[in-house]
């Protein structure tokens, strides 16, 4: 599935880039082609102006109203000049009769006065012998043996007048392959460039799509792991519930023929009740995480005195301390003596947050510390306020932080397990299974969601949580929360 998606992304990326390159190349081609045509038209018009200025006009029979062009004097010096520029000249009388030309054979094209330039197609009959200017294949005035071949020319035709008398027409022609030849070369170069660019884009698209798919693949793998773990966690209590119900039903059938005490039914029902509560807690935890992930949780944050909250949580957890003989203490770091603001001193440990979520956060952390600390150990909870100080100006920041540290002298956590400690359903125990056997005495273990929920609550309060641990020495969880949330 991921390879197919990656391939589609690469193909789409390459296709869109190829279309953009094609549009760009088309624009470049049209621009260069139009530029070449403009240059040729400018050259032809320039030749027309030069020839017009060199025309020798003389009167006919001393008649001041009638004039004619002296062809010999007018075009004596122009033939060689235009030949060097691959330009051919034709002079027509006022009636359209060809009088002089640099071509060896007339083109038989009607006269159409046009100073903007036009492209004409000259069809050459068999054994035609007129000259092809600047042809790379044929020399001037060479014989053509092709049948019904064609020659393209760019032409400008100018009508020459004196007063109201039309002396004649000057037509200037330029070979069209001066445009087509560089245009074809440009098309070849652009096609080659686009081809190479598309190959490069395809390779880079494949690489980039792979990079883009990496987080998707990781998310998919986490989802698969999450689904497998959730299925396992849900399957265990459901299986135990079904087993106890089946045993109860079997005992009920047996009770019809034998005297059976109600103590057995009560014990089995208590196991079902305990497993059902654990299953309900697991479902609530999953629902809480799902709401946090989707962002649909609309919790209202109110001022919460964190010192009072921790006192309450520590008092609740102290009920478990006598059983394991663990020392549980709460240490509050007092404000500095330089602080004199009564309002600030009164709210020194108050932040904006959700009371129930914060209680759940620190209950999870302290309960974990107590669970993994052996008898005779210590669990210490510390609360301090961190004031932000600008190192340049020395002014206090308005956004102070509250830092809570939960330290224990427990078994510690292996270094390789720390990066995955906040993953859902992850437990350091490799087995990651609930004990089975006698359902009446089975001790339920955690589902592996406690630290994941703790991290979700901290992030929901725009804080961060980190852990430091050394095996056989202890573990310290540090939670840092902003006093005021950023909007």
Protein backbone atom coordinates (compact mmCIF):
# COMPACT_ATOMS: atom_id res chain seq x y z
CA UNK A 1 0.00 0.00 0.00
CA UNK A 2 2.77 2.44 0.93
CA UNK A 3 4.76 1.63 -2.21
CA UNK A 4 1.66 2.23 -4.33
CA UNK A 5 0.99 5.55 -2.61
CA UNK A 6 4.64 6.53 -2.96
CA UNK A 7 4.56 5.65 -6.64
CA UNK A 8 1.41 7.71 -7.19
CA UNK A 9 2.89 10.71 -5.40
CA UNK A 10 6.06 10.49 -7.50
CA UNK A 11 4.05 10.15 -10.73
CA UNK A 12 1.80 13.10 -9.88
CA UNK A 13 4.77 15.22 -8.87
CA UNK A 14 6.60 14.36 -12.08
CA UNK A 15 3.53 14.86 -14.27
CA UNK A 16 2.71 18.28 -12.82
CA UNK A 17 6.33 19.38 -13.14
CA UNK A 18 6.45 18.11 -16.73
CA UNK A 19 3.32 20.11 -17.60
CA UNK A 20 4.79 23.24 -16.06
CA UNK A 21 8.07 22.72 -17.91
CA UNK A 22 6.17 22.15 -21.15
CA UNK A 23 4.25 25.40 -20.69
CA UNK A 24 7.47 27.23 -19.90
CA UNK A 25 9.24 25.74 -22.94
CA UNK A 26 6.29 26.65 -25.16
CA UNK A 27 6.47 30.23 -23.95
CA UNK A 28 10.23 30.37 -24.57
CA UNK A 29 9.80 28.89 -28.06
CA UNK A 30 7.06 31.33 -29.04
CA UNK A 31 9.04 34.27 -27.68
CA UNK A 32 12.24 33.30 -29.52
CA UNK A 33 10.35 32.58 -32.75
CA UNK A 34 8.53 35.92 -32.65
CA UNK A 35 11.84 37.65 -31.91
CA UNK A 36 13.48 36.03 -34.95
CA UNK A 37 10.59 37.07 -37.18
CA UNK A 38 10.72 40.64 -35.87
CA UNK A 39 14.45 40.79 -36.55
CA UNK A 40 13.97 39.58 -40.14
CA UNK A 41 11.12 42.05 -40.71
CA UNK A 42 13.25 44.88 -39.33
CA UNK A 43 16.10 43.85 -41.65
CA UNK A 44 13.80 43.76 -44.68
CA UNK A 45 12.32 47.17 -43.88
CA UNK A 46 15.80 48.57 -43.38
CA UNK A 47 16.83 47.27 -46.83
CA UNK A 48 13.68 48.82 -48.33
CA UNK A 49 14.58 52.20 -46.85
CA UNK A 50 18.15 52.00 -48.16
CA UNK A 51 17.05 50.98 -51.63
CA UNK A 52 14.38 53.71 -51.72
CA UNK A 53 16.98 56.33 -50.91
CA UNK A 54 19.28 55.01 -53.66
CA UNK A 55 16.63 55.04 -56.41
CA UNK A 56 17.47 57.36 -59.28
CA UNK A 57 14.28 59.10 -60.43
CA UNK A 58 14.35 60.98 -63.76
CA UNK A 59 11.72 62.70 -65.86
CA UNK A 60 10.40 61.28 -69.10
CA UNK A 61 11.04 63.42 -72.22
CA UNK A 62 11.54 66.52 -70.08
CA UNK A 63 7.99 66.20 -68.79
CA UNK A 64 7.94 67.53 -65.26
CA UNK A 65 4.83 65.53 -64.38
CA UNK A 66 6.01 62.09 -65.47
CA UNK A 67 8.90 60.21 -63.96
CA UNK A 68 10.61 56.86 -64.26
CA UNK A 69 13.28 54.89 -62.38
CA UNK A 70 16.74 54.50 -63.92
CA UNK A 71 17.20 50.79 -63.19
CA UNK A 72 20.87 50.59 -64.13
CA UNK A 73 21.84 53.54 -61.97
CA UNK A 74 19.52 52.59 -59.11
CA UNK A 75 20.40 48.92 -58.64
CA UNK A 76 24.01 48.92 -59.81
CA UNK A 77 25.41 48.88 -56.24
CA UNK A 78 22.55 47.12 -54.43
CA UNK A 79 22.79 43.62 -55.87
CA UNK A 80 26.07 42.67 -54.21
CA UNK A 81 25.10 44.22 -50.91
CA UNK A 82 21.83 42.36 -50.48
CA UNK A 83 23.46 39.13 -51.70
CA UNK A 84 25.77 39.24 -48.71
CA UNK A 85 22.74 39.44 -46.40
CA UNK A 86 20.91 36.58 -48.24
CA UNK A 87 18.26 39.05 -49.35
CA UNK A 88 16.79 39.18 -52.86
CA UNK A 89 15.34 42.27 -54.53
CA UNK A 90 12.61 42.53 -57.16
CA UNK A 91 11.50 45.70 -58.95
CA UNK A 92 8.11 45.85 -60.59
CA UNK A 93 6.60 48.54 -62.77
CA UNK A 94 3.50 50.38 -61.75
CA UNK A 95 1.44 47.83 -63.66
CA UNK A 96 3.05 44.90 -61.82
CA UNK A 97 5.51 43.81 -64.52
CA UNK A 98 8.83 42.43 -63.24
CA UNK A 99 11.62 44.70 -64.51
CA UNK A 100 14.64 43.70 -62.42
CA UNK A 101 15.45 40.91 -59.95
CA UNK A 102 18.37 39.26 -58.18
CA UNK A 103 16.61 35.91 -58.69
CA UNK A 104 17.43 33.77 -61.69
CA UNK A 105 13.76 32.97 -62.25
CA UNK A 106 10.65 34.94 -61.29
CA UNK A 107 8.63 33.75 -58.31
CA UNK A 108 5.26 34.31 -59.99
CA UNK A 109 3.78 35.77 -56.82
CA UNK A 110 1.22 38.56 -57.14
CA UNK A 111 2.16 41.97 -55.80
CA UNK A 112 0.67 42.74 -52.37
CA UNK A 113 2.05 45.92 -50.76
CA UNK A 114 2.86 45.06 -47.16
CA UNK A 115 5.36 46.73 -44.82
CA UNK A 116 4.67 44.44 -41.86
CA UNK A 117 6.07 41.34 -43.52
CA UNK A 118 4.40 38.16 -44.69
CA UNK A 119 5.41 34.56 -45.26
CA UNK A 120 4.75 33.20 -48.75
CA UNK A 121 4.99 29.70 -50.13
CA UNK A 122 6.59 29.30 -53.55
CA UNK A 123 5.83 26.01 -55.33
CA UNK A 124 8.70 24.96 -57.62
CA UNK A 125 7.88 22.98 -60.70
CA UNK A 126 10.07 20.22 -62.08
CA UNK A 127 13.36 21.44 -63.67
CA UNK A 128 12.88 24.80 -62.05
CA UNK A 129 16.10 26.81 -62.10
CA UNK A 130 15.49 29.78 -59.89
CA UNK A 131 17.94 30.60 -57.16
CA UNK A 132 17.42 29.59 -53.50
CA UNK A 133 19.12 32.26 -51.39
CA UNK A 134 21.51 30.99 -48.72
CA UNK A 135 20.51 27.37 -49.20
CA UNK A 136 22.82 25.04 -47.39
CA UNK A 137 22.06 22.24 -49.85
CA UNK A 138 22.00 24.04 -53.19
CA UNK A 139 24.35 26.60 -54.64
CA UNK A 140 22.93 29.78 -56.18
CA UNK A 141 21.32 29.31 -59.57
CA UNK A 142 21.59 25.51 -59.29
CA UNK A 143 19.10 23.29 -61.10
CA UNK A 144 16.34 21.75 -59.02
CA UNK A 145 15.28 18.22 -59.84
CA UNK A 146 12.59 17.92 -57.18
CA UNK A 147 8.99 17.60 -58.19
CA UNK A 148 6.47 20.09 -56.83
CA UNK A 149 8.77 21.08 -53.93
CA UNK A 150 8.14 24.37 -52.07
CA UNK A 151 10.20 27.27 -50.84
CA UNK A 152 9.15 29.56 -47.95
CA UNK A 153 10.12 33.21 -48.07
CA UNK A 154 9.59 36.17 -45.80
CA UNK A 155 8.72 39.21 -47.90
CA UNK A 156 8.13 42.96 -47.56
CA UNK A 157 6.61 44.85 -50.53
CA UNK A 158 6.78 48.65 -50.75
CA UNK A 159 4.96 50.86 -53.26
CA UNK A 160 7.22 53.68 -54.55
CA UNK A 161 5.40 56.90 -55.46
CA UNK A 162 6.27 60.40 -56.56
CA UNK A 163 3.33 62.63 -55.89
CA UNK A 164 0.35 60.69 -57.22
CA UNK A 165 2.36 58.71 -59.74
CA UNK A 166 3.23 55.10 -58.82
CA UNK A 167 6.75 54.49 -60.09
CA UNK A 168 6.75 50.82 -59.19
CA UNK A 169 6.93 48.24 -56.44
CA UNK A 170 9.97 47.07 -54.52
CA UNK A 171 9.77 43.57 -53.07
CA UNK A 172 12.43 42.30 -50.67
CA UNK A 173 12.61 38.55 -49.85
CA UNK A 174 14.46 36.64 -47.16
CA UNK A 175 14.70 32.82 -46.84
CA UNK A 176 12.35 31.50 -44.16
CA UNK A 177 14.75 28.77 -43.05
CA UNK A 178 16.61 31.52 -41.19
CA UNK A 179 13.68 31.22 -38.78
CA UNK A 180 12.87 27.52 -39.05
CA UNK A 181 16.45 26.29 -38.63
CA UNK A 182 17.14 27.94 -35.23
CA UNK A 183 13.54 27.21 -34.22
CA UNK A 184 14.03 23.49 -34.83
CA UNK A 185 17.31 23.58 -32.96
CA UNK A 186 15.58 25.35 -30.09
CA UNK A 187 12.81 22.72 -30.08
CA UNK A 188 15.43 19.98 -29.92
CA UNK A 189 17.31 21.69 -27.10
CA UNK A 190 14.13 22.35 -25.12
CA UNK A 191 12.90 18.78 -25.62
CA UNK A 192 16.25 17.42 -24.47
CA UNK A 193 16.31 19.76 -21.49
CA UNK A 194 12.72 18.90 -20.54
CA UNK A 195 13.45 15.18 -20.84
CA UNK A 196 16.50 15.39 -18.61
CA UNK A 197 14.65 17.63 -16.18
CA UNK A 198 11.68 15.25 -16.00
CA UNK A 199 14.05 12.36 -15.25
CA UNK A 200 15.68 14.37 -12.48
CA UNK A 201 12.29 15.43 -11.15
CA UNK A 202 11.07 11.83 -11.27
CA UNK A 203 14.09 10.65 -9.27
CA UNK A 204 13.78 13.49 -6.77
CA UNK A 205 10.00 12.97 -6.60
CA UNK A 206 10.52 9.31 -5.75
CA UNK A 207 13.02 10.28 -3.06
CA UNK A 208 10.86 13.07 -1.60
CA UNK A 209 7.71 10.95 -1.66
CA UNK A 210 9.62 8.31 0.28
CA UNK A 211 10.61 10.94 2.82
CA UNK A 212 7.01 12.16 2.99
CA UNK A 213 5.73 8.62 3.50
CA UNK A 214 8.12 7.89 6.38
CA UNK A 215 6.02 9.62 9.09
CA UNK A 216 2.88 8.10 7.58
CA UNK A 217 4.49 4.66 7.75
CA UNK A 218 5.60 5.28 11.31
CA UNK A 219 2.09 6.42 12.25
CA UNK A 220 0.65 3.36 10.57
CA UNK A 221 3.04 1.08 12.47
CA UNK A 222 2.13 2.81 15.74
CA UNK A 223 -1.54 2.41 14.87
CA UNK A 224 -1.02 -1.28 14.20
CA UNK A 225 0.84 -1.67 17.48
CA UNK A 226 -1.81 0.35 19.28
CA UNK A 227 -4.58 -1.81 17.80
CA UNK A 228 -2.77 -5.01 18.72
CA UNK A 229 -2.10 -3.83 22.28
CA UNK A 230 -5.63 -2.52 22.73
CA UNK A 231 -7.03 -5.82 21.47
CA UNK A 232 -4.82 -7.69 23.92
CA UNK A 233 -5.76 -5.45 26.85
CA UNK A 234 -9.45 -5.74 26.06
CA UNK A 235 -9.30 -9.47 25.33
CA UNK A 236 -7.83 -10.42 28.72
CA UNK A 237 -10.60 -9.07 30.98
CA UNK A 238 -13.30 -10.13 28.56
CA UNK A 239 -11.91 -13.69 28.53
CA UNK A 240 -11.76 -13.78 32.34
CA UNK A 241 -15.32 -12.45 32.57
CA UNK A 242 -16.55 -15.11 30.18
CA UNK A 243 -14.69 -17.81 32.14
CA UNK A 244 -16.17 -16.74 35.47
CA UNK A 245 -19.66 -16.49 34.01
CA UNK A 246 -19.35 -19.97 32.51
CA UNK A 247 -18.14 -21.36 35.84
CA UNK A 248 -21.01 -19.67 37.66
CA UNK A 249 -23.53 -21.09 35.19
CA UNK A 250 -22.02 -24.58 35.54
CA UNK A 251 -22.17 -24.33 39.35
CA UNK A 252 -25.78 -23.14 39.06
CA UNK A 253 -26.67 -26.28 37.08
CA UNK A 254 -24.84 -28.40 39.64
CA UNK A 255 -26.67 -26.69 42.50
CA UNK A 256 -29.94 -28.24 41.36
CA UNK A 257 -28.72 -31.68 42.48
CA UNK A 258 -26.14 -30.74 45.16
CA UNK A 259 -26.15 -28.27 48.01
CA UNK A 260 -23.85 -25.39 47.02
CA UNK A 261 -23.02 -22.46 49.25
CA UNK A 262 -23.59 -18.92 48.05
CA UNK A 263 -19.98 -18.03 48.93
CA UNK A 264 -18.69 -19.42 45.64
CA UNK A 265 -21.17 -17.35 43.63
CA UNK A 266 -20.27 -14.22 45.59
CA UNK A 267 -16.56 -14.76 44.97
CA UNK A 268 -17.04 -15.31 41.24
CA UNK A 269 -19.29 -12.28 40.94
CA UNK A 270 -16.71 -10.12 42.73
CA UNK A 271 -14.09 -11.24 40.23
CA UNK A 272 -16.46 -10.34 37.37
CA UNK A 273 -17.11 -6.98 39.01
CA UNK A 274 -13.39 -6.28 39.41
CA UNK A 275 -12.64 -7.25 35.82
CA UNK A 276 -15.55 -5.17 34.57
CA UNK A 277 -14.25 -2.14 36.47
CA UNK A 278 -10.80 -2.66 34.99
CA UNK A 279 -12.31 -2.98 31.53
CA UNK A 280 -14.34 0.19 32.06
CA UNK A 281 -11.25 2.06 33.26
CA UNK A 282 -9.35 0.92 30.17
CA UNK A 283 -12.14 2.08 27.88
CA UNK A 284 -12.27 5.46 29.69
CA UNK A 285 -8.52 5.85 29.29
CA UNK A 286 -8.74 5.10 25.58
CA UNK A 287 -11.62 7.54 25.20
CA UNK A 288 -9.63 10.24 27.04
CA UNK A 289 -6.61 9.77 24.76
CA UNK A 290 -8.81 9.75 21.66
CA UNK A 291 -10.41 13.03 22.68
CA UNK A 292 -7.03 14.60 23.36
CA UNK A 293 -5.69 13.44 19.99
CA UNK A 294 -8.70 14.70 18.06
CA UNK A 295 -8.79 18.05 19.87
CA UNK A 296 -12.50 17.76 20.60
CA UNK A 297 -11.92 18.13 24.35
CA UNK A 298 -13.40 21.46 25.46
CA UNK A 299 -12.03 21.66 28.99
CA UNK A 300 -12.45 24.90 30.89
CA UNK A 301 -9.25 26.04 32.57
CA UNK A 302 -9.62 27.74 35.95
CA UNK A 303 -7.10 28.94 38.55
CA UNK A 304 -5.73 25.84 40.30
CA UNK A 305 -3.55 26.09 43.46
CA UNK A 306 -1.04 23.36 42.66
CA UNK A 307 0.27 23.15 46.22
CA UNK A 308 -3.21 22.31 47.57
CA UNK A 309 -3.73 19.84 44.74
CA UNK A 310 -0.48 18.00 45.52
CA UNK A 311 -1.30 17.90 49.21
CA UNK A 312 -4.59 16.25 48.41
CA UNK A 313 -3.00 13.70 46.09
CA UNK A 314 -0.20 12.89 48.57
CA UNK A 315 -2.74 12.39 51.38
CA UNK A 316 -4.67 9.93 49.22
CA UNK A 317 -1.53 8.01 48.26
CA UNK A 318 -0.30 7.88 51.88
CA UNK A 319 -3.04 5.35 52.53
CA UNK A 320 -0.95 2.87 50.49
CA UNK A 321 2.38 3.72 52.18
CA UNK A 322 1.95 1.72 55.45
CA UNK A 323 1.62 -1.53 53.51
CA UNK A 324 5.08 -1.15 51.90
CA UNK A 325 6.73 1.03 54.57
CA UNK A 326 7.69 3.73 52.04
CA UNK A 327 8.42 7.31 53.04
CA UNK A 328 6.28 9.73 50.99
CA UNK A 329 6.98 13.44 51.39
CA UNK A 330 5.98 16.74 49.78
CA UNK A 331 8.48 19.60 49.60
CA UNK A 332 7.27 23.11 48.68
CA UNK A 333 9.98 25.63 47.78
CA UNK A 334 9.05 28.91 49.48
CA UNK A 335 9.12 32.19 47.53
CA UNK A 336 12.26 34.30 47.88
CA UNK A 337 12.45 36.82 50.72
CA UNK A 338 12.75 39.64 48.17
CA UNK A 339 9.21 39.04 46.96
CA UNK A 340 6.87 41.44 48.75
CA UNK A 341 3.74 41.50 46.59
CA UNK A 342 0.87 40.10 48.73
CA UNK A 343 -1.20 39.12 45.71
CA UNK A 344 1.72 37.27 44.09
CA UNK A 345 2.64 35.54 47.36
CA UNK A 346 -0.95 34.37 47.80
CA UNK A 347 -1.01 32.85 44.28
CA UNK A 348 2.62 31.75 44.20
CA UNK A 349 1.72 28.15 43.19
CA UNK A 350 -1.51 28.90 41.26
CA UNK A 351 -1.82 28.17 37.57
CA UNK A 352 -4.56 28.04 34.93
CA UNK A 353 -5.59 24.44 34.36
CA UNK A 354 -8.11 21.66 34.74
CA UNK A 355 -8.22 20.40 38.33
CA UNK A 356 -9.41 16.87 37.55
CA UNK A 357 -6.81 16.32 34.82
CA UNK A 358 -3.98 17.61 37.01
CA UNK A 359 -5.10 15.34 39.84
CA UNK A 360 -5.04 12.42 37.42
CA UNK A 361 -1.60 13.43 36.15
CA UNK A 362 0.13 13.53 39.54
CA UNK A 363 -1.82 10.54 40.87
CA UNK A 364 -0.43 8.45 38.01
CA UNK A 365 3.14 9.65 38.61
CA UNK A 366 3.09 9.20 42.39
CA UNK A 367 1.29 5.84 42.18
CA UNK A 368 3.91 4.60 39.69
CA UNK A 369 6.70 5.76 42.02
CA UNK A 370 5.14 3.93 44.97
CA UNK A 371 4.51 0.81 42.89
CA UNK A 372 8.10 0.45 41.71
CA UNK A 373 9.77 1.46 44.98
CA UNK A 374 10.63 -1.45 47.31
CA UNK A 375 9.84 -1.50 51.01
CA UNK A 376 11.90 0.94 53.01
CA UNK A 377 12.37 3.28 50.03
CA UNK A 378 11.49 6.94 49.62
CA UNK A 379 9.25 8.90 47.26
CA UNK A 380 9.70 12.66 47.23
CA UNK A 381 7.40 15.19 45.55
CA UNK A 382 8.83 18.68 45.08
CA UNK A 383 7.10 21.86 43.87
CA UNK A 384 8.94 25.03 42.87
CA UNK A 385 8.16 28.20 40.94
CA UNK A 386 10.60 29.20 38.19
CA UNK A 387 10.67 32.88 37.36
CA UNK A 388 11.84 33.88 33.89
CA UNK A 389 14.54 36.56 33.97
CA UNK A 390 15.70 38.45 30.90
CA UNK A 391 19.48 38.08 30.82
CA UNK A 392 19.92 41.44 29.08
CA UNK A 393 17.53 43.74 30.90
CA UNK A 394 17.14 41.76 34.12
CA UNK A 395 13.36 42.16 33.94
CA UNK A 396 11.06 39.37 35.03
CA UNK A 397 8.99 37.60 32.42
CA UNK A 398 5.24 37.57 32.95
CA UNK A 399 5.02 33.86 32.09
CA UNK A 400 6.50 32.01 35.07
CA UNK A 401 6.59 28.22 35.33
CA UNK A 402 5.72 25.69 37.99
CA UNK A 403 7.97 22.64 38.19
CA UNK A 404 6.99 19.42 39.92
CA UNK A 405 9.52 16.62 40.49
CA UNK A 406 8.47 13.12 41.55
CA UNK A 407 11.57 11.19 42.63
CA UNK A 408 11.81 7.65 43.97
CA UNK A 409 14.46 5.19 45.06
CA UNK A 410 12.94 2.34 43.09
CA UNK A 411 14.26 -0.23 40.66
CA UNK A 412 14.82 2.33 37.90
CA UNK A 413 14.20 2.08 34.16
CA UNK A 414 16.63 0.65 31.56
CA UNK A 415 18.14 3.29 29.28
CA UNK A 416 16.87 1.55 26.14
CA UNK A 417 13.29 1.76 27.45
CA UNK A 418 13.29 5.52 28.13
CA UNK A 419 12.53 6.65 24.52
CA UNK A 420 9.38 4.51 24.44
CA UNK A 421 8.30 5.08 28.01
CA UNK A 422 5.37 7.34 27.04
CA UNK A 423 4.14 5.08 24.23
CA UNK A 424 0.67 3.72 24.72
CA UNK A 425 0.43 0.17 26.11
CA UNK A 426 4.20 0.08 26.51
CA UNK A 427 5.53 -1.57 29.64
CA UNK A 428 9.13 -2.25 30.49
CA UNK A 429 8.17 -5.84 31.28
CA UNK A 430 8.81 -7.77 28.00
CA UNK A 431 5.91 -10.11 28.63
CA UNK A 432 3.42 -7.24 28.81
CA UNK A 433 0.67 -9.66 29.80
CA UNK A 434 -1.67 -9.97 32.70
CA UNK A 435 -1.11 -12.91 35.00
CA UNK A 436 -3.54 -15.71 34.50
CA UNK A 437 -4.54 -18.66 36.57
CA UNK A 438 -6.80 -18.47 39.56
CA UNK A 439 -9.12 -15.60 38.82
CA UNK A 440 -9.82 -15.02 42.44
CA UNK A 441 -6.24 -14.24 43.29
CA UNK A 442 -4.99 -12.74 40.04
CA UNK A 443 -3.40 -9.34 40.58
CA UNK A 444 -4.17 -6.92 37.85
CA UNK A 445 -1.30 -4.95 36.47
CA UNK A 446 -1.36 -1.61 34.69
CA UNK A 447 -2.56 -1.33 31.11
CA UNK A 448 0.44 0.74 29.98
CA UNK A 449 -1.64 3.89 29.47
CA UNK A 450 -0.77 5.77 32.66
CA UNK A 451 2.30 7.60 31.37
CA UNK A 452 0.71 8.16 27.95
CA UNK A 453 -2.23 9.86 29.69
CA UNK A 454 0.19 11.87 31.84
CA UNK A 455 2.01 13.11 28.76
CA UNK A 456 -1.29 13.99 27.04
CA UNK A 457 -2.42 16.04 30.07
CA UNK A 458 0.92 17.89 30.26
CA UNK A 459 0.80 18.72 26.54
CA UNK A 460 -2.82 19.82 26.90
CA UNK A 461 -1.59 22.33 29.51
CA UNK A 462 1.20 23.47 27.13
CA UNK A 463 3.90 22.04 29.38
CA UNK A 464 6.44 19.29 28.99
CA UNK A 465 7.46 16.17 30.90
CA UNK A 466 10.81 14.43 31.05
CA UNK A 467 12.26 11.46 32.89
CA UNK A 468 15.68 10.59 34.26
CA UNK A 469 16.42 7.15 35.63
CA UNK A 470 19.31 5.00 36.77
CA UNK A 471 18.70 1.33 37.38
CA UNK A 472 18.80 0.24 41.03
CA UNK A 473 19.10 3.90 42.10
CA UNK A 474 15.81 5.56 41.19
CA UNK A 475 13.71 7.55 38.76
CA UNK A 476 12.75 11.23 38.59
CA UNK A 477 9.84 12.59 36.56
CA UNK A 478 9.95 16.36 35.99
CA UNK A 479 6.77 18.18 34.94
CA UNK A 480 6.98 21.84 33.92
CA UNK A 481 3.73 23.76 33.47
CA UNK A 482 3.19 27.41 32.48
CA UNK A 483 1.21 29.46 34.98
CA UNK A 484 -0.73 31.22 32.22
CA UNK A 485 -1.62 29.48 28.94
CA UNK A 486 -0.81 31.06 25.60
CA UNK A 487 -3.81 31.67 23.36
